Amino acid sequence: MLSRVAESIYWMSRYIERAENVARFIAVNLNLNLDMPGAGGQQWLPLVVTTGDHEQFGERYETASKQNVIRFLTFDRDNPNSIMSCVRAARENARAVRESISSEMWEHINRFYLLLRENNAEAAAYEESYDFFDQIRFSGQQFMGITDATMTHGEGWHFCRLARLIERADKSSRILDVKYFILLPSPSDIGTPFDDIQWSALLRSASALEMYRQRHGRLEPASVVQFLILDREFPRAVLYCLTKANESLHAISGSAIGGFVNKPEQQLGQLRAELAYTSSQQIIERGLHEFVDDLQRRLNAIGEGISDTFFAMRPLEMAFQRQTPFGQSQVQLSTAAG
């Protein structure tokens, strides 16, 4: 597979996952407002802080009102991480590789984009927020299902899955950060119904509340951390995402799981192994916000390593020199060298 094709498939998938997860961030506050009218009204700016776009937001908007934050995170074309920008970028990447993806995938992305372009889309986001952002989340989930059902599970599909899972791991950790770093109540509120409502809102935003109840029952911070970061079976848990991403990364390079032939395999394998032998109590003792910050930095490094290994333009001779010391054959350089 040509590196430009692999790169377009990778970012197509990653942008769709990012759009869905931005909708999940907004759902945190919407769920809080539903359960505790007025309680989430002062928590719109922290959502922008958590996504890392607070400086750009401050340059463009005077106040962090519900309408301004929703506009910035959903429709602002100058915000590269807004839902509109992500879906538009995913559509452009899909257009570039239409011969490598299924027609159903292209048609769904196009419908997703047109949903956001409708004349009444912004009004629906403000007035019918729950239904509107549910539509966005469902569109992201539907794309994943269409991809798995209609795309050959070869190299392109593995790039698609790898991108989705790296993005999901990052955003699942950020959803936790919203609660533990920003929405954490005063010490007197911990363990009260107020605290439980916030944890429930967070789990619902990750589509995790029912599965959490089945696994752990009572809402407890350590158990929520265990479920969203360290669970090996829940598909939005960070450890699960990294485990499956690691499988796809090795499938792309053709190397055996347990070793590595390139930098991102080494980075991802190390991070996954550390999480596999970490407990939720150790994470809390270290500080959840500090843990999430470190996790996001390492995920960013893995993303950069993937781009450098598989997508960066470089002479074939250089690619061969960089890959063969780890045991990769010259035939396997077709992706790395483009």
C-alpha atoms as a PDB file:
ATOM      1  CA  MET A   1       0.000   0.000   0.000  1.00  0.00           C
ATOM      2  CA  LEU A   2       1.305   3.455  -0.892  1.00  0.00           C
ATOM      3  CA  SER A   3       2.155   5.622   2.088  1.00  0.00           C
ATOM      4  CA  ARG A   4      -0.137   8.440   0.882  1.00  0.00           C
ATOM      5  CA  VAL A   5      -3.073   6.007   0.729  1.00  0.00           C
ATOM      6  CA  ALA A   6      -2.277   4.592   4.163  1.00  0.00           C
ATOM      7  CA  GLU A   7      -1.984   8.115   5.578  1.00  0.00           C
ATOM      8  CA  SER A   8      -5.354   9.202   4.154  1.00  0.00           C
ATOM      9  CA  ILE A   9      -7.081   6.097   5.528  1.00  0.00           C
ATOM     10  CA  TYR A  10      -5.400   6.603   8.903  1.00  0.00           C
ATOM     11  CA  TRP A  11      -6.482  10.228   9.241  1.00  0.00           C
ATOM     12  CA  MET A  12      -9.940   9.600   7.804  1.00  0.00           C
ATOM     13  CA  SER A  13     -10.568   7.157  10.643  1.00  0.00           C
ATOM     14  CA  ARG A  14      -8.900   9.273  13.295  1.00  0.00           C
ATOM     15  CA  TYR A  15     -10.886  12.391  12.401  1.00  0.00           C
ATOM     16  CA  ILE A  16     -14.211  10.533  12.535  1.00  0.00           C
ATOM     17  CA  GLU A  17     -13.317   9.137  15.962  1.00  0.00           C
ATOM     18  CA  ARG A  18     -12.267  12.600  17.130  1.00  0.00           C
ATOM     19  CA  ALA A  19     -15.562  14.137  15.995  1.00  0.00           C
ATOM     20  CA  GLU A  20     -17.514  11.490  17.883  1.00  0.00           C
ATOM     21  CA  ASN A  21     -15.467  12.045  21.016  1.00  0.00           C
ATOM     22  CA  VAL A  22     -15.838  15.829  20.945  1.00  0.00           C
ATOM     23  CA  ALA A  23     -19.581  15.161  20.986  1.00  0.00           C
ATOM     24  CA  ARG A  24     -18.985  12.983  24.042  1.00  0.00           C
ATOM     25  CA  PHE A  25     -17.184  15.855  25.803  1.00  0.00           C
ATOM     26  CA  ILE A  26     -20.162  18.095  25.241  1.00  0.00           C
ATOM     27  CA  ALA A  27     -22.414  15.302  26.494  1.00  0.00           C
ATOM     28  CA  VAL A  28     -20.674  15.441  29.894  1.00  0.00           C
ATOM     29  CA  ASN A  29     -22.161  18.873  30.544  1.00  0.00           C
ATOM     30  CA  LEU A  30     -25.462  18.120  28.869  1.00  0.00           C
ATOM     31  CA  ASN A  31     -25.885  15.072  31.096  1.00  0.00           C
ATOM     32  CA  LEU A  32     -25.006  17.135  34.163  1.00  0.00           C
ATOM     33  CA  ASN A  33     -27.580  19.747  33.216  1.00  0.00           C
ATOM     34  CA  LEU A  34     -30.151  17.009  32.741  1.00  0.00           C
ATOM     35  CA  ASP A  35     -29.510  15.441  36.168  1.00  0.00           C
ATOM     36  CA  MET A  36     -28.714  18.642  38.076  1.00  0.00           C
ATOM     37  CA  PRO A  37     -30.242  21.707  36.380  1.00  0.00           C
ATOM     38  CA  GLY A  38     -27.812  24.593  36.731  1.00  0.00           C
ATOM     39  CA  ALA A  39     -24.935  22.523  38.107  1.00  0.00           C
ATOM     40  CA  GLY A  40     -23.163  22.195  34.778  1.00  0.00           C
ATOM     41  CA  GLY A  41     -23.864  25.723  33.639  1.00  0.00           C
ATOM     42  CA  GLN A  42     -20.529  27.059  34.897  1.00  0.00           C
ATOM     43  CA  GLN A  43     -18.522  24.196  33.462  1.00  0.00           C
ATOM     44  CA  TRP A  44     -18.309  25.069  29.781  1.00  0.00           C
ATOM     45  CA  LEU A  45     -14.849  26.658  29.757  1.00  0.00           C
ATOM     46  CA  PRO A  46     -13.254  23.552  31.381  1.00  0.00           C
ATOM     47  CA  LEU A  47     -14.375  21.509  28.371  1.00  0.00           C
ATOM     48  CA  VAL A  48     -12.284  23.728  26.117  1.00  0.00           C
ATOM     49  CA  VAL A  49      -9.377  23.516  28.581  1.00  0.00           C
ATOM     50  CA  THR A  50      -9.575  19.723  28.574  1.00  0.00           C
ATOM     51  CA  THR A  51      -9.482  19.533  24.778  1.00  0.00           C
ATOM     52  CA  GLY A  52      -6.354  21.733  24.804  1.00  0.00           C
ATOM     53  CA  ASP A  53      -7.897  24.533  22.716  1.00  0.00           C
ATOM     54  CA  HIS A  54      -8.440  27.132  25.455  1.00  0.00           C
ATOM     55  CA  GLU A  55      -5.893  29.656  24.116  1.00  0.00           C
ATOM     56  CA  GLN A  56      -7.474  29.707  20.671  1.00  0.00           C
ATOM     57  CA  PHE A  57     -10.923  29.926  22.242  1.00  0.00           C
ATOM     58  CA  GLY A  58      -9.878  32.902  24.388  1.00  0.00           C
ATOM     59  CA  GLU A  59      -8.636  34.773  21.305  1.00  0.00           C
ATOM     60  CA  ARG A  60     -11.941  34.350  19.499  1.00  0.00           C
ATOM     61  CA  TYR A  61     -14.673  34.487  22.159  1.00  0.00           C
ATOM     62  CA  GLU A  62     -15.241  36.841  25.080  1.00  0.00           C
ATOM     63  CA  THR A  63     -17.182  34.506  27.364  1.00  0.00           C
ATOM     64  CA  ALA A  64     -17.375  30.747  27.795  1.00  0.00           C
ATOM     65  CA  SER A  65     -21.140  30.553  27.488  1.00  0.00           C
ATOM     66  CA  LYS A  66     -22.896  27.375  26.441  1.00  0.00           C
ATOM     67  CA  GLN A  67     -23.590  28.793  22.973  1.00  0.00           C
ATOM     68  CA  ASN A  68     -19.998  29.975  22.416  1.00  0.00           C
ATOM     69  CA  VAL A  69     -18.424  26.721  23.569  1.00  0.00           C
ATOM     70  CA  ILE A  70     -20.808  24.583  21.513  1.00  0.00           C
ATOM     71  CA  ARG A  71     -20.161  26.748  18.458  1.00  0.00           C
ATOM     72  CA  PHE A  72     -16.383  26.555  18.959  1.00  0.00           C
ATOM     73  CA  LEU A  73     -16.300  22.796  19.516  1.00  0.00           C
ATOM     74  CA  THR A  74     -18.925  21.932  16.895  1.00  0.00           C
ATOM     75  CA  PHE A  75     -19.142  24.368  13.987  1.00  0.00           C
ATOM     76  CA  ASP A  76     -16.077  26.635  14.102  1.00  0.00           C
ATOM     77  CA  ARG A  77     -14.208  25.995  10.853  1.00  0.00           C
ATOM     78  CA  ASP A  78     -11.143  27.825  12.182  1.00  0.00           C
ATOM     79  CA  ASN A  79     -10.855  25.378  15.074  1.00  0.00           C
ATOM     80  CA  PRO A  80      -9.087  22.332  13.563  1.00  0.00           C
ATOM     81  CA  ASN A  81     -10.520  20.094  16.294  1.00  0.00           C
ATOM     82  CA  SER A  82     -14.152  21.128  15.950  1.00  0.00           C
ATOM     83  CA  ILE A  83     -16.612  18.469  14.857  1.00  0.00           C
ATOM     84  CA  MET A  84     -17.192  20.257  11.547  1.00  0.00           C
ATOM     85  CA  SER A  85     -13.455  20.557  10.832  1.00  0.00           C
ATOM     86  CA  CYS A  86     -12.863  16.900  11.697  1.00  0.00           C
ATOM     87  CA  VAL A  87     -15.689  15.566   9.534  1.00  0.00           C
ATOM     88  CA  ARG A  88     -14.683  17.838   6.659  1.00  0.00           C
ATOM     89  CA  ALA A  89     -11.065  16.611   6.901  1.00  0.00           C
ATOM     90  CA  ALA A  90     -12.236  12.995   7.102  1.00  0.00           C
ATOM     91  CA  ARG A  91     -14.353  13.541   3.984  1.00  0.00           C
ATOM     92  CA  GLU A  92     -11.413  15.019   2.062  1.00  0.00           C
ATOM     93  CA  ASN A  93      -9.184  12.093   3.047  1.00  0.00           C
ATOM     94  CA  ALA A  94     -11.907   9.637   2.046  1.00  0.00           C
ATOM     95  CA  ARG A  95     -12.309  11.401  -1.297  1.00  0.00           C
ATOM     96  CA  ALA A  96      -8.575  10.946  -1.958  1.00  0.00           C
ATOM     97  CA  VAL A  97      -8.754   7.169  -1.458  1.00  0.00           C
ATOM     98  CA  ARG A  98     -12.224   6.293  -2.741  1.00  0.00           C
ATOM     99  CA  GLU A  99     -10.764   3.406  -4.714  1.00  0.00           C
ATOM    100  CA  SER A 100      -9.366   1.893  -1.478  1.00  0.00           C
ATOM    101  CA  ILE A 101     -12.470   2.117   0.701  1.00  0.00           C
ATOM    102  CA  SER A 102     -15.997   0.824   0.170  1.00  0.00           C
ATOM    103  CA  SER A 103     -18.697   2.945  -1.434  1.00  0.00           C
ATOM    104  CA  GLU A 104     -20.755   2.560   1.755  1.00  0.00           C
ATOM    105  CA  MET A 105     -17.962   4.188   3.780  1.00  0.00           C
ATOM    106  CA  TRP A 106     -17.764   7.134   1.403  1.00  0.00           C
ATOM    107  CA  GLU A 107     -21.530   7.601   1.296  1.00  0.00           C
ATOM    108  CA  HIS A 108     -21.777   7.550   5.084  1.00  0.00           C
ATOM    109  CA  ILE A 109     -19.035  10.144   5.563  1.00  0.00           C
ATOM    110  CA  ASN A 110     -20.711  12.321   2.958  1.00  0.00           C
ATOM    111  CA  ARG A 111     -24.069  12.071   4.759  1.00  0.00           C
ATOM    112  CA  PHE A 112     -22.326  12.845   8.048  1.00  0.00           C
ATOM    113  CA  TYR A 113     -20.820  15.994   6.533  1.00  0.00           C
ATOM    114  CA  LEU A 114     -24.140  17.097   5.029  1.00  0.00           C
ATOM    115  CA  LEU A 115     -25.822  16.619   8.428  1.00  0.00           C
ATOM    116  CA  LEU A 116     -23.538  19.303   9.846  1.00  0.00           C
ATOM    117  CA  ARG A 117     -24.072  21.538   6.795  1.00  0.00           C
ATOM    118  CA  GLU A 118     -27.867  21.640   7.102  1.00  0.00           C
ATOM    119  CA  ASN A 119     -29.331  25.111   7.529  1.00  0.00           C
ATOM    120  CA  ASN A 120     -30.881  24.290  10.890  1.00  0.00           C
ATOM    121  CA  ALA A 121     -27.878  22.393  12.278  1.00  0.00           C
ATOM    122  CA  GLU A 122     -26.646  25.160  14.594  1.00  0.00           C
ATOM    123  CA  ALA A 123     -30.133  25.867  15.896  1.00  0.00           C
ATOM    124  CA  ALA A 124     -30.596  22.153  16.608  1.00  0.00           C
ATOM    125  CA  ALA A 125     -27.269  22.042  18.489  1.00  0.00           C
ATOM    126  CA  TYR A 126     -28.471  24.772  20.863  1.00  0.00           C
ATOM    127  CA  GLU A 127     -32.156  23.958  21.130  1.00  0.00           C
ATOM    128  CA  GLU A 128     -32.210  20.174  20.760  1.00  0.00           C
ATOM    129  CA  SER A 129     -28.729  19.492  22.067  1.00  0.00           C
ATOM    130  CA  TYR A 130     -29.252  15.969  23.373  1.00  0.00           C
ATOM    131  CA  ASP A 131     -30.732  14.649  20.131  1.00  0.00           C
ATOM    132  CA  PHE A 132     -28.254  16.529  17.936  1.00  0.00           C
ATOM    133  CA  PHE A 133     -25.127  15.269  19.675  1.00  0.00           C
ATOM    134  CA  ASP A 134     -26.599  11.780  19.926  1.00  0.00           C
ATOM    135  CA  GLN A 135     -26.849  11.885  16.128  1.00  0.00           C
ATOM    136  CA  ILE A 136     -23.174  12.763  15.885  1.00  0.00           C
ATOM    137  CA  ARG A 137     -22.172   9.945  18.221  1.00  0.00           C
ATOM    138  CA  PHE A 138     -24.342   7.464  16.357  1.00  0.00           C
ATOM    139  CA  SER A 139     -22.865   8.588  13.031  1.00  0.00           C
ATOM    140  CA  GLY A 140     -19.375   7.875  14.346  1.00  0.00           C
ATOM    141  CA  GLN A 141     -20.409   4.459  15.622  1.00  0.00           C
ATOM    142  CA  GLN A 142     -22.167   3.648  12.371  1.00  0.00           C
ATOM    143  CA  PHE A 143     -19.041   4.478  10.403  1.00  0.00           C
ATOM    144  CA  MET A 144     -17.065   2.016  12.509  1.00  0.00           C
ATOM    145  CA  GLY A 145     -19.671  -0.688  11.870  1.00  0.00           C
ATOM    146  CA  ILE A 146     -19.816   0.025   8.134  1.00  0.00           C
ATOM    147  CA  THR A 147     -16.019  -0.067   7.927  1.00  0.00           C
ATOM    148  CA  ASP A 148     -15.757  -3.413   9.701  1.00  0.00           C
ATOM    149  CA  ALA A 149     -18.562  -4.904   7.611  1.00  0.00           C
ATOM    150  CA  THR A 150     -17.606  -3.655   4.143  1.00  0.00           C
ATOM    151  CA  MET A 151     -13.824  -3.154   4.049  1.00  0.00           C
ATOM    152  CA  THR A 152     -11.416  -6.021   3.487  1.00  0.00           C
ATOM    153  CA  HIS A 153      -9.576  -6.657   6.741  1.00  0.00           C
ATOM    154  CA  GLY A 154      -6.152  -6.159   5.229  1.00  0.00           C
ATOM    155  CA  GLU A 155      -3.495  -3.503   5.622  1.00  0.00           C
ATOM    156  CA  GLY A 156      -5.832  -0.567   4.978  1.00  0.00           C
ATOM    157  CA  TRP A 157      -8.341  -1.806   7.543  1.00  0.00           C
ATOM    158  CA  HIS A 158      -5.580  -2.182  10.129  1.00  0.00           C
ATOM    159  CA  PHE A 159      -4.500   1.428   9.552  1.00  0.00           C
ATOM    160  CA  CYS A 160      -8.127   2.411  10.007  1.00  0.00           C
ATOM    161  CA  ARG A 161      -8.461   0.469  13.268  1.00  0.00           C
ATOM    162  CA  LEU A 162      -5.073   1.629  14.562  1.00  0.00           C
ATOM    163  CA  ALA A 163      -6.017   5.280  14.093  1.00  0.00           C
ATOM    164  CA  ARG A 164      -9.421   4.855  15.697  1.00  0.00           C
ATOM    165  CA  LEU A 165      -8.041   3.128  18.784  1.00  0.00           C
ATOM    166  CA  ILE A 166      -5.149   5.540  19.374  1.00  0.00           C
ATOM    167  CA  GLU A 167      -7.583   8.449  19.151  1.00  0.00           C
ATOM    168  CA  ARG A 168     -10.119   6.700  21.384  1.00  0.00           C
ATOM    169  CA  ALA A 169      -7.542   5.916  24.071  1.00  0.00           C
ATOM    170  CA  ASP A 170      -6.554   9.581  24.216  1.00  0.00           C
ATOM    171  CA  LYS A 171     -10.117  10.851  24.390  1.00  0.00           C
ATOM    172  CA  SER A 172     -11.263   8.261  26.957  1.00  0.00           C
ATOM    173  CA  SER A 173      -8.536   9.512  29.260  1.00  0.00           C
ATOM    174  CA  ARG A 174      -9.594  13.115  28.676  1.00  0.00           C
ATOM    175  CA  ILE A 175     -13.202  12.302  29.575  1.00  0.00           C
ATOM    176  CA  LEU A 176     -11.910  11.053  32.937  1.00  0.00           C
ATOM    177  CA  ASP A 177      -9.896  14.231  33.314  1.00  0.00           C
ATOM    178  CA  VAL A 178     -13.046  16.336  32.941  1.00  0.00           C
ATOM    179  CA  LYS A 179     -14.421  14.835  36.131  1.00  0.00           C
ATOM    180  CA  TYR A 180     -11.382  14.238  38.258  1.00  0.00           C
ATOM    181  CA  PHE A 181      -9.436  17.400  37.500  1.00  0.00           C
ATOM    182  CA  ILE A 182     -12.189  19.923  36.729  1.00  0.00           C
ATOM    183  CA  LEU A 183     -15.532  18.742  38.089  1.00  0.00           C
ATOM    184  CA  LEU A 184     -14.153  17.277  41.322  1.00  0.00           C
ATOM    185  CA  PRO A 185     -16.358  18.586  44.135  1.00  0.00           C
ATOM    186  CA  SER A 186     -15.162  19.890  47.475  1.00  0.00           C
ATOM    187  CA  PRO A 187     -14.011  17.224  49.957  1.00  0.00           C
ATOM    188  CA  SER A 188     -17.364  17.438  51.743  1.00  0.00           C
ATOM    189  CA  ASP A 189     -19.152  16.402  48.516  1.00  0.00           C
ATOM    190  CA  ILE A 190     -17.129  13.247  47.878  1.00  0.00           C
ATOM    191  CA  GLY A 191     -19.315  10.177  48.215  1.00  0.00           C
ATOM    192  CA  THR A 192     -22.534  12.208  48.222  1.00  0.00           C
ATOM    193  CA  PRO A 193     -25.336  12.012  45.622  1.00  0.00           C
ATOM    194  CA  PHE A 194     -23.762  15.095  43.981  1.00  0.00           C
ATOM    195  CA  ASP A 195     -20.534  13.164  43.423  1.00  0.00           C
ATOM    196  CA  ASP A 196     -22.403  10.069  42.203  1.00  0.00           C
ATOM    197  CA  ILE A 197     -24.339  12.125  39.645  1.00  0.00           C
ATOM    198  CA  GLN A 198     -21.098  13.469  38.198  1.00  0.00           C
ATOM    199  CA  TRP A 199     -19.589   9.980  37.898  1.00  0.00           C
ATOM    200  CA  SER A 200     -22.803   8.742  36.261  1.00  0.00           C
ATOM    201  CA  ALA A 201     -22.736  11.615  33.764  1.00  0.00           C
ATOM    202  CA  LEU A 202     -19.132  10.831  32.910  1.00  0.00           C
ATOM    203  CA  LEU A 203     -19.803   7.115  32.404  1.00  0.00           C
ATOM    204  CA  ARG A 204     -22.850   7.838  30.251  1.00  0.00           C
ATOM    205  CA  SER A 205     -20.735  10.138  28.102  1.00  0.00           C
ATOM    206  CA  ALA A 206     -18.384   7.218  27.477  1.00  0.00           C
ATOM    207  CA  SER A 207     -21.354   4.862  26.820  1.00  0.00           C
ATOM    208  CA  ALA A 208     -20.064   2.932  29.810  1.00  0.00           C
ATOM    209  CA  LEU A 209     -22.626   3.247  32.596  1.00  0.00           C
ATOM    210  CA  GLU A 210     -24.505  -0.014  32.016  1.00  0.00           C
ATOM    211  CA  MET A 211     -21.356  -2.075  31.489  1.00  0.00           C
ATOM    212  CA  TYR A 212     -19.771  -0.485  34.549  1.00  0.00           C
ATOM    213  CA  ARG A 213     -22.809  -1.389  36.670  1.00  0.00           C
ATOM    214  CA  GLN A 214     -22.610  -4.982  35.503  1.00  0.00           C
ATOM    215  CA  ARG A 215     -18.924  -5.206  36.344  1.00  0.00           C
ATOM    216  CA  HIS A 216     -18.612  -3.120  39.531  1.00  0.00           C
ATOM    217  CA  GLY A 217     -22.080  -2.183  40.767  1.00  0.00           C
ATOM    218  CA  ARG A 218     -21.640   0.761  43.102  1.00  0.00           C
ATOM    219  CA  LEU A 219     -20.067   3.980  41.823  1.00  0.00           C
ATOM    220  CA  GLU A 220     -16.611   4.355  43.320  1.00  0.00           C
ATOM    221  CA  PRO A 221     -13.771   6.504  41.923  1.00  0.00           C
ATOM    222  CA  ALA A 222     -11.178   3.722  41.988  1.00  0.00           C
ATOM    223  CA  SER A 223     -13.558   1.363  40.190  1.00  0.00           C
ATOM    224  CA  VAL A 224     -14.363   3.959  37.512  1.00  0.00           C
ATOM    225  CA  VAL A 225     -10.639   4.499  36.918  1.00  0.00           C
ATOM    226  CA  GLN A 226     -10.159   0.736  36.760  1.00  0.00           C
ATOM    227  CA  PHE A 227     -12.972   0.368  34.231  1.00  0.00           C
ATOM    228  CA  LEU A 228     -12.152   3.257  31.887  1.00  0.00           C
ATOM    229  CA  ILE A 229      -8.377   2.844  31.916  1.00  0.00           C
ATOM    230  CA  LEU A 230      -7.440  -0.712  32.850  1.00  0.00           C
ATOM    231  CA  ASP A 231     -10.346  -2.929  31.793  1.00  0.00           C
ATOM    232  CA  ARG A 232      -9.249  -5.554  29.254  1.00  0.00           C
ATOM    233  CA  GLU A 233     -12.688  -6.160  27.713  1.00  0.00           C
ATOM    234  CA  PHE A 234     -14.574  -2.844  27.570  1.00  0.00           C
ATOM    235  CA  PRO A 235     -13.977  -1.367  24.069  1.00  0.00           C
ATOM    236  CA  ARG A 236     -13.530   2.220  25.252  1.00  0.00           C
ATOM    237  CA  ALA A 237     -11.075   1.378  28.042  1.00  0.00           C
ATOM    238  CA  VAL A 238      -7.566   2.672  27.395  1.00  0.00           C
ATOM    239  CA  LEU A 239      -5.853  -0.699  27.937  1.00  0.00           C
ATOM    240  CA  TYR A 240      -8.278  -2.464  25.592  1.00  0.00           C
ATOM    241  CA  CYS A 241      -7.689   0.204  22.910  1.00  0.00           C
ATOM    242  CA  LEU A 242      -3.915  -0.065  23.194  1.00  0.00           C
ATOM    243  CA  THR A 243      -4.014  -3.870  23.096  1.00  0.00           C
ATOM    244  CA  LYS A 244      -6.025  -3.940  19.853  1.00  0.00           C
ATOM    245  CA  ALA A 245      -4.005  -1.065  18.368  1.00  0.00           C
ATOM    246  CA  ASN A 246      -0.853  -3.039  19.097  1.00  0.00           C
ATOM    247  CA  GLU A 247      -2.293  -6.024  17.224  1.00  0.00           C
ATOM    248  CA  SER A 248      -3.018  -3.887  14.156  1.00  0.00           C
ATOM    249  CA  LEU A 249       0.383  -2.217  14.252  1.00  0.00           C
ATOM    250  CA  HIS A 250       2.108  -5.622  14.235  1.00  0.00           C
ATOM    251  CA  ALA A 251      -0.214  -6.850  11.471  1.00  0.00           C
ATOM    252  CA  ILE A 252       0.846  -3.900   9.314  1.00  0.00           C
ATOM    253  CA  SER A 253       4.574  -4.498   9.761  1.00  0.00           C
ATOM    254  CA  GLY A 254       4.252  -8.291   9.812  1.00  0.00           C
ATOM    255  CA  SER A 255       6.191  -8.674  13.047  1.00  0.00           C
ATOM    256  CA  ALA A 256       5.376 -10.927  15.967  1.00  0.00           C
ATOM    257  CA  ILE A 257       3.587  -9.485  18.993  1.00  0.00           C
ATOM    258  CA  GLY A 258       5.978  -9.362  21.915  1.00  0.00           C
ATOM    259  CA  GLY A 259       8.843  -7.746  20.010  1.00  0.00           C
ATOM    260  CA  PHE A 260       9.269  -4.685  17.825  1.00  0.00           C
ATOM    261  CA  VAL A 261      10.720  -3.752  14.456  1.00  0.00           C
ATOM    262  CA  ASN A 262      10.107  -0.003  14.559  1.00  0.00           C
ATOM    263  CA  LYS A 263       9.819   2.843  17.039  1.00  0.00           C
ATOM    264  CA  PRO A 264       6.006   3.026  17.365  1.00  0.00           C
ATOM    265  CA  GLU A 265       5.818  -0.720  18.050  1.00  0.00           C
ATOM    266  CA  GLN A 266       8.346  -0.269  20.836  1.00  0.00           C
ATOM    267  CA  GLN A 267       6.541   2.762  22.290  1.00  0.00           C
ATOM    268  CA  LEU A 268       3.088   1.227  22.097  1.00  0.00           C
ATOM    269  CA  GLY A 269       4.261  -2.122  23.462  1.00  0.00           C
ATOM    270  CA  GLN A 270       5.938  -0.475  26.434  1.00  0.00           C
ATOM    271  CA  LEU A 271       2.911   1.667  27.261  1.00  0.00           C
ATOM    272  CA  ARG A 272       0.506  -1.251  26.952  1.00  0.00           C
ATOM    273  CA  ALA A 273       2.701  -3.437  29.164  1.00  0.00           C
ATOM    274  CA  GLU A 274       2.951  -0.750  31.846  1.00  0.00           C
ATOM    275  CA  LEU A 275      -0.824  -0.352  31.966  1.00  0.00           C
ATOM    276  CA  ALA A 276      -1.307  -4.121  32.082  1.00  0.00           C
ATOM    277  CA  TYR A 277       0.666  -4.245  35.342  1.00  0.00           C
ATOM    278  CA  THR A 278      -0.724  -1.069  36.910  1.00  0.00           C
ATOM    279  CA  SER A 279      -3.557  -0.854  39.445  1.00  0.00           C
ATOM    280  CA  SER A 280      -6.188   1.858  39.743  1.00  0.00           C
ATOM    281  CA  GLN A 281      -4.939   2.613  43.258  1.00  0.00           C
ATOM    282  CA  GLN A 282      -1.444   3.320  41.925  1.00  0.00           C
ATOM    283  CA  ILE A 283      -2.925   5.704  39.359  1.00  0.00           C
ATOM    284  CA  ILE A 284      -4.922   7.579  42.005  1.00  0.00           C
ATOM    285  CA  GLU A 285      -1.943   7.773  44.368  1.00  0.00           C
ATOM    286  CA  ARG A 286       0.171   9.209  41.573  1.00  0.00           C
ATOM    287  CA  GLY A 287      -2.583  11.678  40.677  1.00  0.00           C
ATOM    288  CA  LEU A 288      -5.096  10.993  37.939  1.00  0.00           C
ATOM    289  CA  HIS A 289      -4.533  14.311  36.189  1.00  0.00           C
ATOM    290  CA  GLU A 290      -0.775  13.764  36.169  1.00  0.00           C
ATOM    291  CA  PHE A 291      -1.281  10.220  34.893  1.00  0.00           C
ATOM    292  CA  VAL A 292      -3.582  11.431  32.095  1.00  0.00           C
ATOM    293  CA  ASP A 293      -1.143  14.170  31.089  1.00  0.00           C
ATOM    294  CA  ASP A 294       1.700  11.650  30.819  1.00  0.00           C
ATOM    295  CA  LEU A 295      -0.519   9.187  28.927  1.00  0.00           C
ATOM    296  CA  GLN A 296      -1.501  11.846  26.391  1.00  0.00           C
ATOM    297  CA  ARG A 297       2.125  12.859  25.827  1.00  0.00           C
ATOM    298  CA  ARG A 298       3.063   9.255  25.183  1.00  0.00           C
ATOM    299  CA  LEU A 299       0.120   8.711  22.845  1.00  0.00           C
ATOM    300  CA  ASN A 300       1.151  11.822  20.917  1.00  0.00           C
ATOM    301  CA  ALA A 301       4.674  10.397  20.639  1.00  0.00           C
ATOM    302  CA  ILE A 302       3.243   7.116  19.317  1.00  0.00           C
ATOM    303  CA  GLY A 303       1.212   9.037  16.735  1.00  0.00           C
ATOM    304  CA  GLU A 304       4.327  10.920  15.637  1.00  0.00           C
ATOM    305  CA  GLY A 305       6.224   7.642  15.434  1.00  0.00           C
ATOM    306  CA  ILE A 306       3.531   6.115  13.223  1.00  0.00           C
ATOM    307  CA  SER A 307       3.667   9.121  10.884  1.00  0.00           C
ATOM    308  CA  ASP A 308       7.441   9.054  10.724  1.00  0.00           C
ATOM    309  CA  THR A 309       7.639   5.288  10.175  1.00  0.00           C
ATOM    310  CA  PHE A 310       4.833   4.790   7.668  1.00  0.00           C
ATOM    311  CA  PHE A 311       3.950   8.139   6.090  1.00  0.00           C
ATOM    312  CA  ALA A 312       7.061  10.351   6.009  1.00  0.00           C
ATOM    313  CA  MET A 313       8.597  10.890   2.600  1.00  0.00           C
ATOM    314  CA  ARG A 314      12.220   9.722   2.453  1.00  0.00           C
ATOM    315  CA  PRO A 315      14.511   7.939  -0.002  1.00  0.00           C
ATOM    316  CA  LEU A 316      14.041   4.185  -0.269  1.00  0.00           C
ATOM    317  CA  GLU A 317      17.647   3.613   0.790  1.00  0.00           C
ATOM    318  CA  MET A 318      17.101   5.526   4.040  1.00  0.00           C
ATOM    319  CA  ALA A 319      13.908   3.595   4.780  1.00  0.00           C
ATOM    320  CA  PHE A 320      15.760   0.339   4.221  1.00  0.00           C
ATOM    321  CA  GLN A 321      18.586   1.353   6.541  1.00  0.00           C
ATOM    322  CA  ARG A 322      16.172   2.400   9.289  1.00  0.00           C
ATOM    323  CA  GLN A 323      14.014  -0.716   9.177  1.00  0.00           C
ATOM    324  CA  THR A 324      16.241  -3.689   8.423  1.00  0.00           C
ATOM    325  CA  PRO A 325      18.305  -3.588  11.665  1.00  0.00           C
ATOM    326  CA  PHE A 326      15.135  -4.617  13.474  1.00  0.00           C
ATOM    327  CA  GLY A 327      14.511  -7.518  11.092  1.00  0.00           C
ATOM    328  CA  GLN A 328      12.005  -6.035   8.624  1.00  0.00           C
ATOM    329  CA  SER A 329      12.333  -7.287   5.042  1.00  0.00           C
ATOM    330  CA  GLN A 330      12.648  -5.014   2.025  1.00  0.00           C
ATOM    331  CA  VAL A 331       9.293  -6.199   0.697  1.00  0.00           C
ATOM    332  CA  GLN A 332       7.622  -4.832   3.831  1.00  0.00           C
ATOM    333  CA  LEU A 333       8.940  -1.341   3.043  1.00  0.00           C
ATOM    334  CA  SER A 334       6.255  -0.754   0.435  1.00  0.00           C
ATOM    335  CA  THR A 335       4.150   1.065   3.018  1.00  0.00           C
ATOM    336  CA  ALA A 336       6.955   2.879   4.807  1.00  0.00           C
ATOM    337  CA  ALA A 337       8.605   4.140   1.656  1.00  0.00           C
ATOM    338  CA  GLY A 338       5.467   4.886  -0.359  1.00  0.00           C
END
